[in-house]
């Protein structure tokens, strides 16, 4: 099967400064985390950081999902942390 993203929910984890989202390969759930700095230059710890990071994620969701699909196709793991290097 191929990786799909039917659930568009995402959440921000302040402690790790990552946005979490999930994909599915059939019935298997694949967890993805993307470093907030990979998609936004907003300073961490500010009152608007979470909203800024989530808005940046939403505006680039297509390319983010493409990078996630490529990462999954290479290794087939159940969890990934995407960084700026993955988007080059």
PDB file of N, CA and C in Angstrom:
ATOM      1  N   UNK A   1       0.846  -1.181   0.000  1.00  0.00           N
ATOM      2  CA  UNK A   1       0.000   0.000   0.000  1.00  0.00           C
ATOM      3  C   UNK A   1       0.887   1.237   0.000  1.00  0.00           C
ATOM      4  N   UNK A   2       0.289   2.358  -0.236  1.00  0.00           N
ATOM      5  CA  UNK A   2       1.050   3.595  -0.203  1.00  0.00           C
ATOM      6  C   UNK A   2       0.636   4.433   1.003  1.00  0.00           C
ATOM      7  N   UNK A   3       1.504   5.309   1.379  1.00  0.00           N
ATOM      8  CA  UNK A   3       1.273   6.163   2.538  1.00  0.00           C
ATOM      9  C   UNK A   3       0.260   7.247   2.196  1.00  0.00           C
ATOM     10  N   UNK A   4      -0.760   7.378   3.036  1.00  0.00           N
ATOM     11  CA  UNK A   4      -1.779   8.413   2.847  1.00  0.00           C
ATOM     12  C   UNK A   4      -1.898   9.238   4.118  1.00  0.00           C
ATOM     13  N   UNK A   5      -2.526  10.394   3.983  1.00  0.00           N
ATOM     14  CA  UNK A   5      -2.716  11.304   5.111  1.00  0.00           C
ATOM     15  C   UNK A   5      -4.187  11.731   5.179  1.00  0.00           C
ATOM     16  N   UNK A   6      -5.078  10.783   5.501  1.00  0.00           N
ATOM     17  CA  UNK A   6      -6.501  11.117   5.540  1.00  0.00           C
ATOM     18  C   UNK A   6      -6.887  11.992   6.735  1.00  0.00           C
ATOM     19  N   UNK A   7      -6.091  11.964   7.774  1.00  0.00           N
ATOM     20  CA  UNK A   7      -6.366  12.748   8.979  1.00  0.00           C
ATOM     21  C   UNK A   7      -5.473  13.988   8.944  1.00  0.00           C
ATOM     22  N   UNK A   8      -6.067  15.150   8.748  1.00  0.00           N
ATOM     23  CA  UNK A   8      -5.286  16.373   8.608  1.00  0.00           C
ATOM     24  C   UNK A   8      -4.906  17.025   9.932  1.00  0.00           C
ATOM     25  N   UNK A   9      -5.211  16.364  11.043  1.00  0.00           N
ATOM     26  CA  UNK A   9      -4.865  16.959  12.332  1.00  0.00           C
ATOM     27  C   UNK A   9      -3.360  16.959  12.522  1.00  0.00           C
ATOM     28  N   UNK A  10      -2.896  17.945  13.259  1.00  0.00           N
ATOM     29  CA  UNK A  10      -1.495  18.078  13.618  1.00  0.00           C
ATOM     30  C   UNK A  10      -1.452  18.790  14.945  1.00  0.00           C
ATOM     31  N   UNK A  11      -0.356  18.640  15.664  1.00  0.00           N
ATOM     32  CA  UNK A  11      -0.238  19.294  16.966  1.00  0.00           C
ATOM     33  C   UNK A  11       1.204  19.726  17.170  1.00  0.00           C
ATOM     34  N   UNK A  12       1.378  20.720  18.020  1.00  0.00           N
ATOM     35  CA  UNK A  12       2.712  21.251  18.294  1.00  0.00           C
ATOM     36  C   UNK A  12       3.140  20.821  19.689  1.00  0.00           C
ATOM     37  N   UNK A  13       4.353  20.326  19.792  1.00  0.00           N
ATOM     38  CA  UNK A  13       4.941  19.925  21.073  1.00  0.00           C
ATOM     39  C   UNK A  13       5.995  20.958  21.438  1.00  0.00           C
ATOM     40  N   UNK A  14       5.676  21.803  22.399  1.00  0.00           N
ATOM     41  CA  UNK A  14       6.566  22.891  22.810  1.00  0.00           C
ATOM     42  C   UNK A  14       7.899  22.357  23.342  1.00  0.00           C
ATOM     43  N   UNK A  15       7.869  21.279  24.108  1.00  0.00           N
ATOM     44  CA  UNK A  15       9.081  20.751  24.731  1.00  0.00           C
ATOM     45  C   UNK A  15      10.127  20.334  23.693  1.00  0.00           C
ATOM     46  N   UNK A  16       9.685  19.697  22.630  1.00  0.00           N
ATOM     47  CA  UNK A  16      10.633  19.243  21.612  1.00  0.00           C
ATOM     48  C   UNK A  16      10.683  20.164  20.400  1.00  0.00           C
ATOM     49  N   UNK A  17       9.816  21.184  20.380  1.00  0.00           N
ATOM     50  CA  UNK A  17       9.717  22.131  19.270  1.00  0.00           C
ATOM     51  C   UNK A  17       9.483  21.399  17.947  1.00  0.00           C
ATOM     52  N   UNK A  18       8.500  20.501  17.986  1.00  0.00           N
ATOM     53  CA  UNK A  18       8.153  19.712  16.809  1.00  0.00           C
ATOM     54  C   UNK A  18       6.651  19.713  16.585  1.00  0.00           C
ATOM     55  N   UNK A  19       6.292  19.552  15.349  1.00  0.00           N
ATOM     56  CA  UNK A  19       4.895  19.368  14.978  1.00  0.00           C
ATOM     57  C   UNK A  19       4.704  17.890  14.681  1.00  0.00           C
ATOM     58  N   UNK A  20       3.656  17.330  15.253  1.00  0.00           N
ATOM     59  CA  UNK A  20       3.357  15.910  15.067  1.00  0.00           C
ATOM     60  C   UNK A  20       2.190  15.773  14.098  1.00  0.00           C
ATOM     61  N   UNK A  21       2.332  14.811  13.185  1.00  0.00           N
ATOM     62  CA  UNK A  21       1.233  14.444  12.299  1.00  0.00           C
ATOM     63  C   UNK A  21       1.374  12.960  11.979  1.00  0.00           C
ATOM     64  N   UNK A  22       0.324  12.379  11.458  1.00  0.00           N
ATOM     65  CA  UNK A  22       0.353  10.930  11.199  1.00  0.00           C
ATOM     66  C   UNK A  22      -0.050  10.623   9.763  1.00  0.00           C
ATOM     67  N   UNK A  23       0.481   9.516   9.294  1.00  0.00           N
ATOM     68  CA  UNK A  23       0.109   8.971   8.002  1.00  0.00           C
ATOM     69  C   UNK A  23      -0.314   7.532   8.204  1.00  0.00           C
ATOM     70  N   UNK A  24      -0.876   6.944   7.171  1.00  0.00           N
ATOM     71  CA  UNK A  24      -1.338   5.559   7.258  1.00  0.00           C
ATOM     72  C   UNK A  24      -0.904   4.782   6.031  1.00  0.00           C
ATOM     73  N   UNK A  25      -0.409   3.582   6.287  1.00  0.00           N
ATOM     74  CA  UNK A  25      -0.117   2.625   5.247  1.00  0.00           C
ATOM     75  C   UNK A  25      -1.062   1.467   5.505  1.00  0.00           C
ATOM     76  N   UNK A  26      -2.188   1.479   4.820  1.00  0.00           N
ATOM     77  CA  UNK A  26      -3.243   0.515   5.127  1.00  0.00           C
ATOM     78  C   UNK A  26      -3.765   0.803   6.521  1.00  0.00           C
ATOM     79  N   UNK A  27      -3.688  -0.190   7.402  1.00  0.00           N
ATOM     80  CA  UNK A  27      -4.157  -0.029   8.778  1.00  0.00           C
ATOM     81  C   UNK A  27      -3.039   0.406   9.729  1.00  0.00           C
ATOM     82  N   UNK A  28      -1.819   0.494   9.241  1.00  0.00           N
ATOM     83  CA  UNK A  28      -0.680   0.867  10.085  1.00  0.00           C
ATOM     84  C   UNK A  28      -0.547   2.379  10.189  1.00  0.00           C
ATOM     85  N   UNK A  29      -0.456   2.878  11.405  1.00  0.00           N
ATOM     86  CA  UNK A  29      -0.266   4.305  11.637  1.00  0.00           C
ATOM     87  C   UNK A  29       1.226   4.602  11.712  1.00  0.00           C
ATOM     88  N   UNK A  30       1.647   5.619  10.968  1.00  0.00           N
ATOM     89  CA  UNK A  30       3.044   6.025  10.927  1.00  0.00           C
ATOM     90  C   UNK A  30       3.119   7.427  11.531  1.00  0.00           C
ATOM     91  N   UNK A  31       3.933   7.586  12.568  1.00  0.00           N
ATOM     92  CA  UNK A  31       4.069   8.877  13.250  1.00  0.00           C
ATOM     93  C   UNK A  31       5.192   9.695  12.621  1.00  0.00           C
ATOM     94  N   UNK A  32       4.904  10.955  12.400  1.00  0.00           N
ATOM     95  CA  UNK A  32       5.895  11.885  11.872  1.00  0.00           C
ATOM     96  C   UNK A  32       6.002  13.080  12.800  1.00  0.00           C
ATOM     97  N   UNK A  33       7.211  13.556  12.940  1.00  0.00           N
ATOM     98  CA  UNK A  33       7.493  14.789  13.667  1.00  0.00           C
ATOM     99  C   UNK A  33       8.343  15.644  12.752  1.00  0.00           C
ATOM    100  N   UNK A  34       8.057  16.919  12.696  1.00  0.00           N
ATOM    101  CA  UNK A  34       8.870  17.823  11.893  1.00  0.00           C
ATOM    102  C   UNK A  34       9.383  18.919  12.805  1.00  0.00           C
ATOM    103  N   UNK A  35      10.684  19.137  12.784  1.00  0.00           N
ATOM    104  CA  UNK A  35      11.261  20.214  13.577  1.00  0.00           C
ATOM    105  C   UNK A  35      10.642  21.525  13.124  1.00  0.00           C
ATOM    106  N   UNK A  36      10.158  22.310  14.071  1.00  0.00           N
ATOM    107  CA  UNK A  36       9.503  23.573  13.738  1.00  0.00           C
ATOM    108  C   UNK A  36      10.439  24.487  12.958  1.00  0.00           C
ATOM    109  N   UNK A  37      11.711  24.465  13.280  1.00  0.00           N
ATOM    110  CA  UNK A  37      12.680  25.318  12.595  1.00  0.00           C
ATOM    111  C   UNK A  37      12.816  24.950  11.115  1.00  0.00           C
ATOM    112  N   UNK A  38      12.434  23.740  10.741  1.00  0.00           N
ATOM    113  CA  UNK A  38      12.525  23.317   9.349  1.00  0.00           C
ATOM    114  C   UNK A  38      11.504  24.021   8.467  1.00  0.00           C
ATOM    115  N   UNK A  39      10.437  24.533   9.059  1.00  0.00           N
ATOM    116  CA  UNK A  39       9.385  25.160   8.251  1.00  0.00           C
ATOM    117  C   UNK A  39       9.092  26.602   8.634  1.00  0.00           C
ATOM    118  N   UNK A  40       9.692  27.096   9.716  1.00  0.00           N
ATOM    119  CA  UNK A  40       9.403  28.456  10.150  1.00  0.00           C
ATOM    120  C   UNK A  40      10.591  29.047  10.895  1.00  0.00           C
ATOM    121  N   UNK A  41      10.795  30.319  10.694  1.00  0.00           N
ATOM    122  CA  UNK A  41      11.869  31.011  11.392  1.00  0.00           C
ATOM    123  C   UNK A  41      11.398  31.734  12.639  1.00  0.00           C
ATOM    124  N   UNK A  42      10.187  31.453  13.092  1.00  0.00           N
ATOM    125  CA  UNK A  42       9.653  32.122  14.280  1.00  0.00           C
ATOM    126  C   UNK A  42      10.500  31.769  15.506  1.00  0.00           C
ATOM    127  N   UNK A  43      10.747  32.730  16.361  1.00  0.00           N
ATOM    128  CA  UNK A  43      11.529  32.431  17.569  1.00  0.00           C
ATOM    129  C   UNK A  43      10.744  31.544  18.527  1.00  0.00           C
ATOM    130  N   UNK A  44      11.385  30.523  19.083  1.00  0.00           N
ATOM    131  CA  UNK A  44      10.683  29.640  20.021  1.00  0.00           C
ATOM    132  C   UNK A  44      10.341  30.359  21.311  1.00  0.00           C
ATOM    133  N   UNK A  45       9.323  29.859  21.983  1.00  0.00           N
ATOM    134  CA  UNK A  45       8.964  30.380  23.297  1.00  0.00           C
ATOM    135  C   UNK A  45       8.165  31.662  23.277  1.00  0.00           C
ATOM    136  N   UNK A  46       7.862  32.196  22.101  1.00  0.00           N
ATOM    137  CA  UNK A  46       7.045  33.402  22.046  1.00  0.00           C
ATOM    138  C   UNK A  46       5.576  33.016  22.117  1.00  0.00           C
ATOM    139  N   UNK A  47       4.758  33.977  22.446  1.00  0.00           N
ATOM    140  CA  UNK A  47       3.327  33.712  22.612  1.00  0.00           C
ATOM    141  C   UNK A  47       2.692  33.231  21.313  1.00  0.00           C
ATOM    142  N   UNK A  48       3.230  33.631  20.181  1.00  0.00           N
ATOM    143  CA  UNK A  48       2.626  33.252  18.896  1.00  0.00           C
ATOM    144  C   UNK A  48       3.369  32.128  18.188  1.00  0.00           C
ATOM    145  N   UNK A  49       4.384  31.557  18.808  1.00  0.00           N
ATOM    146  CA  UNK A  49       5.186  30.531  18.140  1.00  0.00           C
ATOM    147  C   UNK A  49       4.335  29.354  17.683  1.00  0.00           C
ATOM    148  N   UNK A  50       3.504  28.815  18.555  1.00  0.00           N
ATOM    149  CA  UNK A  50       2.697  27.656  18.189  1.00  0.00           C
ATOM    150  C   UNK A  50       1.814  27.954  16.986  1.00  0.00           C
ATOM    151  N   UNK A  51       1.111  29.063  17.025  1.00  0.00           N
ATOM    152  CA  UNK A  51       0.226  29.422  15.916  1.00  0.00           C
ATOM    153  C   UNK A  51       1.023  29.639  14.627  1.00  0.00           C
ATOM    154  N   UNK A  52       2.196  30.250  14.745  1.00  0.00           N
ATOM    155  CA  UNK A  52       3.045  30.488  13.580  1.00  0.00           C
ATOM    156  C   UNK A  52       3.530  29.183  12.985  1.00  0.00           C
ATOM    157  N   UNK A  53       3.981  28.258  13.823  1.00  0.00           N
ATOM    158  CA  UNK A  53       4.461  26.968  13.340  1.00  0.00           C
ATOM    159  C   UNK A  53       3.343  26.168  12.679  1.00  0.00           C
ATOM    160  N   UNK A  54       2.183  26.146  13.300  1.00  0.00           N
ATOM    161  CA  UNK A  54       1.063  25.391  12.723  1.00  0.00           C
ATOM    162  C   UNK A  54       0.595  26.006  11.407  1.00  0.00           C
ATOM    163  N   UNK A  55       0.603  27.340  11.324  1.00  0.00           N
ATOM    164  CA  UNK A  55       0.229  28.006  10.074  1.00  0.00           C
ATOM    165  C   UNK A  55       1.250  27.699   8.978  1.00  0.00           C
ATOM    166  N   UNK A  56       2.534  27.672   9.333  1.00  0.00           N
ATOM    167  CA  UNK A  56       3.577  27.331   8.362  1.00  0.00           C
ATOM    168  C   UNK A  56       3.401  25.894   7.882  1.00  0.00           C
ATOM    169  N   UNK A  57       3.074  24.996   8.800  1.00  0.00           N
ATOM    170  CA  UNK A  57       2.812  23.598   8.434  1.00  0.00           C
ATOM    171  C   UNK A  57       1.635  23.535   7.461  1.00  0.00           C
ATOM    172  N   UNK A  58       0.541  24.205   7.807  1.00  0.00           N
ATOM    173  CA  UNK A  58      -0.659  24.166   6.969  1.00  0.00           C
ATOM    174  C   UNK A  58      -0.390  24.719   5.568  1.00  0.00           C
ATOM    175  N   UNK A  59       0.436  25.750   5.467  1.00  0.00           N
ATOM    176  CA  UNK A  59       0.686  26.352   4.159  1.00  0.00           C
ATOM    177  C   UNK A  59       1.617  25.494   3.294  1.00  0.00           C
ATOM    178  N   UNK A  60       2.352  24.590   3.901  1.00  0.00           N
ATOM    179  CA  UNK A  60       3.290  23.741   3.158  1.00  0.00           C
ATOM    180  C   UNK A  60       2.948  22.260   3.284  1.00  0.00           C
ATOM    181  N   UNK A  61       1.706  21.947   3.617  1.00  0.00           N
ATOM    182  CA  UNK A  61       1.335  20.561   3.908  1.00  0.00           C
ATOM    183  C   UNK A  61       1.598  19.625   2.734  1.00  0.00           C
ATOM    184  N   UNK A  62       1.381  20.049   1.519  1.00  0.00           N
ATOM    185  CA  UNK A  62       1.627  19.192   0.356  1.00  0.00           C
ATOM    186  C   UNK A  62       3.086  18.759   0.260  1.00  0.00           C
ATOM    187  N   UNK A  63       4.019  19.714   0.221  1.00  0.00           N
ATOM    188  CA  UNK A  63       5.437  19.331   0.191  1.00  0.00           C
ATOM    189  C   UNK A  63       5.884  18.557   1.434  1.00  0.00           C
ATOM    190  N   UNK A  64       5.328  18.870   2.580  1.00  0.00           N
ATOM    191  CA  UNK A  64       5.676  18.129   3.804  1.00  0.00           C
ATOM    192  C   UNK A  64       5.248  16.672   3.662  1.00  0.00           C
ATOM    193  N   UNK A  65       4.058  16.444   3.172  1.00  0.00           N
ATOM    194  CA  UNK A  65       3.589  15.066   2.965  1.00  0.00           C
ATOM    195  C   UNK A  65       4.450  14.351   1.927  1.00  0.00           C
ATOM    196  N   UNK A  66       4.895  15.066   0.891  1.00  0.00           N
ATOM    197  CA  UNK A  66       5.769  14.456  -0.115  1.00  0.00           C
ATOM    198  C   UNK A  66       7.088  14.005   0.511  1.00  0.00           C
ATOM    199  N   UNK A  67       7.675  14.859   1.351  1.00  0.00           N
ATOM    200  CA  UNK A  67       8.926  14.506   2.028  1.00  0.00           C
ATOM    201  C   UNK A  67       8.695  13.314   2.954  1.00  0.00           C
ATOM    202  N   UNK A  68       7.569  13.305   3.646  1.00  0.00           N
ATOM    203  CA  UNK A  68       7.237  12.193   4.537  1.00  0.00           C
ATOM    204  C   UNK A  68       7.082  10.894   3.744  1.00  0.00           C
ATOM    205  N   UNK A  69       6.420  10.955   2.602  1.00  0.00           N
ATOM    206  CA  UNK A  69       6.262   9.764   1.761  1.00  0.00           C
ATOM    207  C   UNK A  69       7.623   9.236   1.301  1.00  0.00           C
ATOM    208  N   UNK A  70       8.507  10.138   0.898  1.00  0.00           N
ATOM    209  CA  UNK A  70       9.844   9.724   0.452  1.00  0.00           C
ATOM    210  C   UNK A  70      10.625   9.072   1.585  1.00  0.00           C
ATOM    211  N   UNK A  71      10.557   9.649   2.775  1.00  0.00           N
ATOM    212  CA  UNK A  71      11.256   9.072   3.929  1.00  0.00           C
ATOM    213  C   UNK A  71      10.714   7.679   4.232  1.00  0.00           C
ATOM    214  N   UNK A  72       9.412   7.539   4.211  1.00  0.00           N
ATOM    215  CA  UNK A  72       8.787   6.250   4.496  1.00  0.00           C
ATOM    216  C   UNK A  72       9.131   5.220   3.419  1.00  0.00           C
ATOM    217  N   UNK A  73       9.158   5.640   2.168  1.00  0.00           N
ATOM    218  CA  UNK A  73       9.461   4.715   1.070  1.00  0.00           C
ATOM    219  C   UNK A  73      10.882   4.163   1.180  1.00  0.00           C
ATOM    220  N   UNK A  74      11.792   4.965   1.736  1.00  0.00           N
ATOM    221  CA  UNK A  74      13.182   4.516   1.868  1.00  0.00           C
ATOM    222  C   UNK A  74      13.357   3.454   2.942  1.00  0.00           C
ATOM    223  N   UNK A  75      12.638   3.564   4.070  1.00  0.00           N
ATOM    224  CA  UNK A  75      12.939   2.669   5.188  1.00  0.00           C
ATOM    225  C   UNK A  75      11.746   1.907   5.752  1.00  0.00           C
ATOM    226  N   UNK A  76      10.539   2.409   5.582  1.00  0.00           N
ATOM    227  CA  UNK A  76       9.364   1.703   6.082  1.00  0.00           C
ATOM    228  C   UNK A  76       9.248   1.649   7.598  1.00  0.00           C
ATOM    229  N   UNK A  77       9.883   2.596   8.290  1.00  0.00           N
ATOM    230  CA  UNK A  77       9.804   2.615   9.753  1.00  0.00           C
ATOM    231  C   UNK A  77       8.429   3.124  10.205  1.00  0.00           C
ATOM    232  N   UNK A  78       8.174   3.048  11.492  1.00  0.00           N
ATOM    233  CA  UNK A  78       6.878   3.489  12.019  1.00  0.00           C
ATOM    234  C   UNK A  78       6.935   4.878  12.648  1.00  0.00           C
ATOM    235  N   UNK A  79       8.132   5.502  12.683  1.00  0.00           N
ATOM    236  CA  UNK A  79       8.263   6.835  13.263  1.00  0.00           C
ATOM    237  C   UNK A  79       9.420   7.559  12.589  1.00  0.00           C
ATOM    238  N   UNK A  80       9.197   8.841  12.291  1.00  0.00           N
ATOM    239  CA  UNK A  80      10.202   9.661  11.625  1.00  0.00           C
ATOM    240  C   UNK A  80      10.260  11.042  12.265  1.00  0.00           C
ATOM    241  N   UNK A  81      11.453  11.617  12.281  1.00  0.00           N
ATOM    242  CA  UNK A  81      11.646  13.017  12.642  1.00  0.00           C
ATOM    243  C   UNK A  81      12.231  13.691  11.411  1.00  0.00           C
ATOM    244  N   UNK A  82      11.465  14.579  10.820  1.00  0.00           N
ATOM    245  CA  UNK A  82      11.912  15.301   9.631  1.00  0.00           C
ATOM    246  C   UNK A  82      12.592  16.593  10.057  1.00  0.00           C
ATOM    247  N   UNK A  83      13.707  16.892   9.418  1.00  0.00           N
ATOM    248  CA  UNK A  83      14.458  18.110   9.719  1.00  0.00           C
ATOM    249  C   UNK A  83      14.620  18.924   8.439  1.00  0.00           C
ATOM    250  N   UNK A  84      15.251  20.075   8.563  1.00  0.00           N
ATOM    251  CA  UNK A  84      15.473  20.934   7.403  1.00  0.00           C
ATOM    252  C   UNK A  84      16.244  20.194   6.312  1.00  0.00           C
ATOM    253  N   UNK A  85      17.147  19.310   6.693  1.00  0.00           N
ATOM    254  CA  UNK A  85      17.935  18.561   5.710  1.00  0.00           C
ATOM    255  C   UNK A  85      17.054  17.698   4.806  1.00  0.00           C
ATOM    256  N   UNK A  86      15.916  17.247   5.290  1.00  0.00           N
ATOM    257  CA  UNK A  86      15.018  16.431   4.493  1.00  0.00           C
ATOM    258  C   UNK A  86      14.333  17.222   3.386  1.00  0.00           C
ATOM    259  N   UNK A  87      14.335  18.546   3.490  1.00  0.00           N
ATOM    260  CA  UNK A  87      13.646  19.395   2.523  1.00  0.00           C
ATOM    261  C   UNK A  87      14.592  19.995   1.482  1.00  0.00           C
ATOM    262  N   UNK A  88      15.834  19.557   1.473  1.00  0.00           N
ATOM    263  CA  UNK A  88      16.801  20.074   0.501  1.00  0.00           C
ATOM    264  C   UNK A  88      16.849  19.219  -0.717  1.00  0.00           C
TER     265      UNK A  88
END
